Amino acid sequence: MKEKVNERVNWPVTILLIIGLITVAFPLYMTIVIAFKQPSEMTNSISGILSLPKSWSLANFAEAMRVTDFWRSLFNSFLITVITVVVSILIHSMIGYAVGRNKAKNKFYNFVYLYIVSGMFVPFAILMMPLVKQTAQMGIDNLVGVILCYVVFYMPMNVLLYSGYLVNIPVALEEAARVDGTSTFRTYWSIIFPIMKPMHATVAVLTALGTWNDVMTPLVIMSGSGMNTLPLAQLTFQTQFGTNYNLAFASYLLALLPILVFYIICQKQILNGVVNGAVK
């Protein structure tokens, strides 16, 4: 007979997981509950805020869509996010491939790698005012300027991930292609680029999350242009006299849905990409 193995519960880890779950679930619960409530149901008491709505109505969502010009703001956010993700995957993967394969044997590529990665340590507050002035002088203080800024901002992290992921791809594949007379460019697009599919998904999700939820970059670059992204349009609910939480939370839920669907679609590739992309 097989002996039963006594499994011990790791209580410290279990308690941390429970605390983490509560930390995430509680704000989400409040967001959903308040989004469906009417302003008259909001009271100063804790029970009034946490209680379920008397009637579940979509009136707040309809009003939030009207106030924020939802469809136009959604289109702007969608356009910026999609173009940023596509351009980032194409350009950052090529840079990551070039420096990843050569940094160990070439000091120049190693310097380029360290120079690009060091960009992660530069705060946005330092770059904000110069970017505002430069984009205005170049005439790209619009969607184009915002996209270019995002492509540059996410380059350090993406290059770090791509170059780390290349460690798991055998160099023999490229050497075999070169023996057959294939150019480096053709080798990359035909062999390396498809193999890096898990990392493409990881980069896409990380870049999309940051781009979709960002407020500061569109705020300082497109200020006065009359164009809004969803996070920028949601500032409408915050005034010097207070915040309309019912409409704001309804708008937050509407903005959450597209990026949540995108994450669910790519989640199978994310874990593999993160684990294999760790620098060894």
Protein backbone atom coordinates (compact mmCIF):
# COMPACT_ATOMS: atom_id res chain seq x y z
CA MET A 1 0.00 0.00 0.00
CA LYS A 2 1.15 3.47 -0.81
CA GLU A 3 1.92 5.63 2.14
CA LYS A 4 -0.02 8.86 2.38
CA VAL A 5 2.12 11.95 2.14
CA ASN A 6 1.28 14.55 4.74
CA GLU A 7 0.99 17.90 3.03
CA ARG A 8 1.62 20.86 5.25
CA VAL A 9 -0.07 24.14 4.62
CA ASN A 10 2.32 27.00 4.19
CA TRP A 11 0.37 29.43 6.33
CA PRO A 12 2.55 32.53 5.83
CA VAL A 13 2.20 32.24 2.04
CA THR A 14 -1.50 31.38 2.32
CA ILE A 15 -2.16 34.42 4.51
CA LEU A 16 -0.29 36.67 2.09
CA LEU A 17 -2.35 35.31 -0.81
CA ILE A 18 -5.59 35.94 1.09
CA ILE A 19 -4.50 39.49 1.91
CA GLY A 20 -3.55 40.04 -1.73
CA LEU A 21 -6.93 38.74 -2.89
CA ILE A 22 -8.77 41.04 -0.51
CA THR A 23 -6.62 43.97 -1.58
CA VAL A 24 -7.59 43.42 -5.22
CA ALA A 25 -11.19 42.26 -4.75
CA PHE A 26 -12.32 44.97 -2.34
CA PRO A 27 -11.58 47.98 -4.61
CA LEU A 28 -13.09 46.12 -7.55
CA TYR A 29 -16.24 45.42 -5.51
CA MET A 30 -16.53 49.08 -4.54
CA THR A 31 -16.04 50.17 -8.15
CA ILE A 32 -18.82 47.91 -9.41
CA VAL A 33 -21.24 48.75 -6.60
CA ILE A 34 -20.76 52.53 -6.81
CA ALA A 35 -20.96 52.48 -10.62
CA PHE A 36 -24.50 51.06 -10.45
CA LYS A 37 -25.68 53.29 -7.60
CA GLN A 38 -27.54 56.57 -7.91
CA PRO A 39 -26.00 59.66 -6.24
CA SER A 40 -28.91 59.71 -3.77
CA GLU A 41 -27.79 56.30 -2.45
CA MET A 42 -24.32 57.59 -1.56
CA THR A 43 -24.05 58.48 2.12
CA ASN A 44 -21.18 59.30 4.41
CA SER A 45 -21.58 56.07 6.36
CA ILE A 46 -19.53 52.98 5.54
CA SER A 47 -22.65 50.84 5.20
CA GLY A 48 -24.07 53.29 2.68
CA ILE A 49 -20.98 53.04 0.49
CA LEU A 50 -20.53 49.26 0.71
CA SER A 51 -24.20 48.27 0.43
CA LEU A 52 -25.58 46.92 -2.82
CA PRO A 53 -27.58 49.26 -5.08
CA LYS A 54 -31.33 49.36 -4.50
CA SER A 55 -31.84 48.94 -8.24
CA TRP A 56 -29.21 47.92 -10.79
CA SER A 57 -29.36 50.60 -13.47
CA LEU A 58 -27.15 51.39 -16.47
CA ALA A 59 -28.00 55.10 -16.28
CA ASN A 60 -24.54 56.00 -14.92
CA PHE A 61 -22.84 54.20 -17.80
CA ALA A 62 -24.96 55.98 -20.40
CA GLU A 63 -24.29 59.37 -18.81
CA ALA A 64 -20.57 58.63 -18.48
CA MET A 65 -20.39 57.73 -22.16
CA ARG A 66 -22.11 61.00 -23.08
CA VAL A 67 -19.98 63.22 -20.85
CA THR A 68 -16.64 61.71 -21.95
CA ASP A 69 -17.56 61.47 -25.65
CA PHE A 70 -16.84 57.79 -25.11
CA TRP A 71 -16.62 56.46 -28.65
CA ARG A 72 -14.24 59.16 -29.89
CA SER A 73 -12.07 58.87 -26.77
CA LEU A 74 -12.13 55.07 -27.10
CA PHE A 75 -11.04 55.33 -30.73
CA ASN A 76 -8.12 57.62 -29.82
CA SER A 77 -6.98 55.30 -27.01
CA PHE A 78 -7.39 52.24 -29.24
CA LEU A 79 -5.46 53.85 -32.11
CA ILE A 80 -2.59 54.97 -29.87
CA THR A 81 -2.37 51.61 -28.11
CA VAL A 82 -2.50 49.44 -31.24
CA ILE A 83 0.07 51.46 -33.18
CA THR A 84 2.38 51.68 -30.15
CA VAL A 85 2.21 47.91 -29.56
CA VAL A 86 2.79 46.99 -33.21
CA VAL A 87 5.68 49.44 -33.70
CA SER A 88 7.23 48.44 -30.36
CA ILE A 89 7.17 44.74 -31.22
CA LEU A 90 8.71 45.33 -34.66
CA ILE A 91 11.43 47.80 -33.64
CA HIS A 92 12.25 46.64 -30.11
CA SER A 93 12.50 43.00 -31.12
CA MET A 94 15.03 43.87 -33.83
CA ILE A 95 17.08 45.99 -31.42
CA GLY A 96 16.88 43.25 -28.80
CA TYR A 97 18.05 40.69 -31.36
CA ALA A 98 20.97 42.83 -32.52
CA VAL A 99 22.31 43.65 -29.06
CA GLY A 100 21.37 40.29 -27.54
CA ARG A 101 23.40 38.29 -30.01
CA ASN A 102 26.42 40.62 -30.00
CA LYS A 103 26.73 42.21 -26.54
CA ALA A 104 28.76 39.32 -25.13
CA LYS A 105 31.46 39.52 -27.81
CA ASN A 106 31.35 43.16 -28.86
CA LYS A 107 31.94 46.09 -26.50
CA PHE A 108 30.04 48.50 -28.74
CA TYR A 109 26.83 46.43 -28.60
CA ASN A 110 27.29 45.96 -24.88
CA PHE A 111 27.51 49.74 -24.47
CA VAL A 112 24.41 50.21 -26.62
CA TYR A 113 22.55 47.65 -24.53
CA LEU A 114 23.50 49.32 -21.24
CA TYR A 115 22.70 52.75 -22.66
CA ILE A 116 19.19 51.70 -23.74
CA VAL A 117 18.41 49.80 -20.54
CA SER A 118 19.58 52.74 -18.42
CA GLY A 119 16.58 54.64 -19.77
CA MET A 120 14.43 52.78 -17.23
CA PHE A 121 15.99 54.86 -14.47
CA VAL A 122 15.09 58.25 -15.98
CA PRO A 123 11.93 59.67 -14.34
CA PHE A 124 9.22 61.03 -16.62
CA ALA A 125 9.12 64.26 -14.59
CA ILE A 126 12.61 65.15 -15.87
CA LEU A 127 11.60 64.58 -19.50
CA MET A 128 8.15 66.17 -19.34
CA MET A 129 8.92 69.84 -20.04
CA PRO A 130 11.57 69.20 -22.75
CA LEU A 131 9.16 66.82 -24.50
CA VAL A 132 6.36 69.39 -24.44
CA LYS A 133 8.62 72.00 -26.04
CA GLN A 134 10.17 69.65 -28.60
CA THR A 135 6.90 68.12 -29.77
CA ALA A 136 5.37 71.60 -30.12
CA GLN A 137 8.32 72.88 -32.17
CA MET A 138 8.26 69.80 -34.40
CA GLY A 139 4.50 70.06 -34.92
CA ILE A 140 3.77 66.63 -33.46
CA ASP A 141 1.95 67.71 -30.30
CA ASN A 142 -0.83 65.30 -31.23
CA LEU A 143 -1.46 61.56 -31.47
CA VAL A 144 1.73 61.07 -33.48
CA GLY A 145 3.87 62.67 -30.80
CA VAL A 146 2.24 60.61 -28.07
CA ILE A 147 2.88 57.38 -29.99
CA LEU A 148 6.53 58.28 -30.60
CA CYS A 149 7.00 59.03 -26.91
CA TYR A 150 5.49 55.70 -25.91
CA VAL A 151 7.70 53.77 -28.34
CA VAL A 152 10.77 55.41 -26.79
CA PHE A 153 9.54 55.09 -23.18
CA TYR A 154 8.96 51.33 -23.41
CA MET A 155 12.13 50.59 -25.38
CA PRO A 156 14.40 49.91 -22.35
CA MET A 157 12.15 47.31 -20.75
CA ASN A 158 11.23 45.63 -24.03
CA VAL A 159 14.83 45.42 -25.23
CA LEU A 160 15.78 43.92 -21.86
CA LEU A 161 13.06 41.26 -22.23
CA TYR A 162 13.85 40.43 -25.86
CA SER A 163 17.61 40.18 -25.34
CA GLY A 164 17.04 37.96 -22.30
CA TYR A 165 14.67 35.70 -24.23
CA LEU A 166 17.26 35.18 -26.98
CA VAL A 167 19.36 33.19 -24.50
CA ASN A 168 16.82 30.36 -24.89
CA ILE A 169 17.06 30.30 -28.70
CA PRO A 170 19.96 28.16 -30.02
CA VAL A 171 22.46 30.00 -32.20
CA ALA A 172 22.70 26.81 -34.29
CA LEU A 173 19.42 27.71 -35.98
CA GLU A 174 20.93 30.91 -37.36
CA GLU A 175 24.18 29.22 -38.31
CA ALA A 176 22.29 26.59 -40.29
CA ALA A 177 20.37 29.33 -42.11
CA ARG A 178 23.60 31.16 -42.96
CA VAL A 179 25.06 27.96 -44.41
CA ASP A 180 22.06 27.85 -46.75
CA GLY A 181 22.87 31.39 -47.88
CA THR A 182 20.13 33.19 -45.93
CA SER A 183 20.82 36.81 -45.00
CA THR A 184 20.75 37.99 -41.38
CA PHE A 185 17.60 40.01 -42.01
CA ARG A 186 15.81 37.05 -43.61
CA THR A 187 16.99 34.73 -40.84
CA TYR A 188 15.54 37.03 -38.21
CA TRP A 189 12.12 37.41 -39.83
CA SER A 190 11.77 33.80 -40.94
CA ILE A 191 13.22 31.97 -37.91
CA ILE A 192 13.83 34.13 -34.84
CA PHE A 193 10.78 36.41 -34.97
CA PRO A 194 8.21 33.54 -35.02
CA ILE A 195 10.05 31.72 -32.20
CA MET A 196 9.75 34.79 -29.98
CA LYS A 197 5.94 34.64 -30.05
CA PRO A 198 5.60 34.24 -26.22
CA MET A 199 7.75 37.30 -25.68
CA HIS A 200 5.77 39.24 -28.28
CA ALA A 201 2.63 38.54 -26.24
CA THR A 202 4.33 39.61 -23.02
CA VAL A 203 5.64 42.84 -24.55
CA ALA A 204 2.25 43.52 -26.14
CA VAL A 205 0.39 43.20 -22.84
CA LEU A 206 2.88 45.21 -20.78
CA THR A 207 3.07 47.97 -23.40
CA ALA A 208 -0.68 48.02 -23.95
CA LEU A 209 -1.44 48.22 -20.22
CA GLY A 210 0.92 51.13 -19.72
CA THR A 211 -0.25 52.97 -22.83
CA TRP A 212 -3.96 52.42 -22.25
CA ASN A 213 -3.92 53.61 -18.63
CA ASP A 214 -1.47 56.50 -18.97
CA VAL A 215 -2.72 60.01 -18.25
CA MET A 216 0.36 62.23 -18.02
CA THR A 217 1.80 61.80 -21.51
CA PRO A 218 -1.40 62.67 -23.45
CA LEU A 219 -2.14 65.40 -20.91
CA VAL A 220 1.13 67.28 -21.43
CA ILE A 221 1.61 66.51 -25.14
CA MET A 222 -1.94 66.99 -26.49
CA SER A 223 -2.99 69.77 -24.11
CA GLY A 224 -5.17 72.22 -26.01
CA SER A 225 -5.52 70.01 -29.10
CA GLY A 226 -9.11 69.05 -28.29
CA MET A 227 -8.30 65.33 -28.53
CA ASN A 228 -8.82 63.05 -25.54
CA THR A 229 -7.93 59.51 -24.63
CA LEU A 230 -10.17 57.60 -22.23
CA PRO A 231 -8.04 58.28 -19.11
CA LEU A 232 -7.79 61.93 -20.11
CA ALA A 233 -11.55 62.22 -20.66
CA GLN A 234 -12.18 60.75 -17.21
CA LEU A 235 -10.60 63.81 -15.61
CA THR A 236 -13.93 65.50 -16.42
CA PHE A 237 -15.44 63.93 -13.33
CA GLN A 238 -12.89 65.58 -11.02
CA THR A 239 -13.42 69.27 -10.33
CA GLN A 240 -12.23 71.68 -7.65
CA PHE A 241 -15.61 71.25 -5.94
CA GLY A 242 -15.57 67.45 -5.77
CA THR A 243 -15.78 64.21 -7.71
CA ASN A 244 -18.80 62.48 -9.21
CA TYR A 245 -17.86 58.98 -8.10
CA ASN A 246 -20.87 57.26 -9.65
CA LEU A 247 -20.11 58.44 -13.17
CA ALA A 248 -16.34 58.16 -12.66
CA PHE A 249 -16.47 54.54 -11.54
CA ALA A 250 -18.87 53.65 -14.36
CA SER A 251 -16.42 55.19 -16.81
CA TYR A 252 -13.52 53.28 -15.22
CA LEU A 253 -15.33 49.99 -15.76
CA LEU A 254 -16.02 50.85 -19.40
CA ALA A 255 -12.34 51.65 -19.92
CA LEU A 256 -11.30 48.43 -18.15
CA LEU A 257 -13.20 46.04 -20.41
CA PRO A 258 -11.16 46.33 -23.68
CA ILE A 259 -7.75 45.89 -22.03
CA LEU A 260 -9.10 43.06 -19.87
CA VAL A 261 -10.29 41.17 -22.96
CA PHE A 262 -6.89 41.72 -24.58
CA TYR A 263 -5.12 40.36 -21.49
CA ILE A 264 -7.34 37.24 -21.41
CA ILE A 265 -6.55 36.53 -25.06
CA CYS A 266 -2.78 36.78 -24.53
CA GLN A 267 -2.50 35.28 -21.04
CA LYS A 268 -1.44 31.81 -22.27
CA GLN A 269 1.74 33.24 -23.75
CA ILE A 270 2.57 35.73 -20.99
CA LEU A 271 3.90 33.39 -18.29
CA ASN A 272 6.11 31.49 -20.72
CA GLY A 273 7.47 34.75 -22.09
CA VAL A 274 8.26 36.22 -18.68
CA VAL A 275 9.94 33.06 -17.36
CA ASN A 276 12.02 32.45 -20.47
CA GLY A 277 12.83 36.13 -20.80
CA ALA A 278 14.53 36.30 -17.41
CA VAL A 279 18.15 37.31 -17.77
CA LYS A 280 20.45 34.40 -16.98
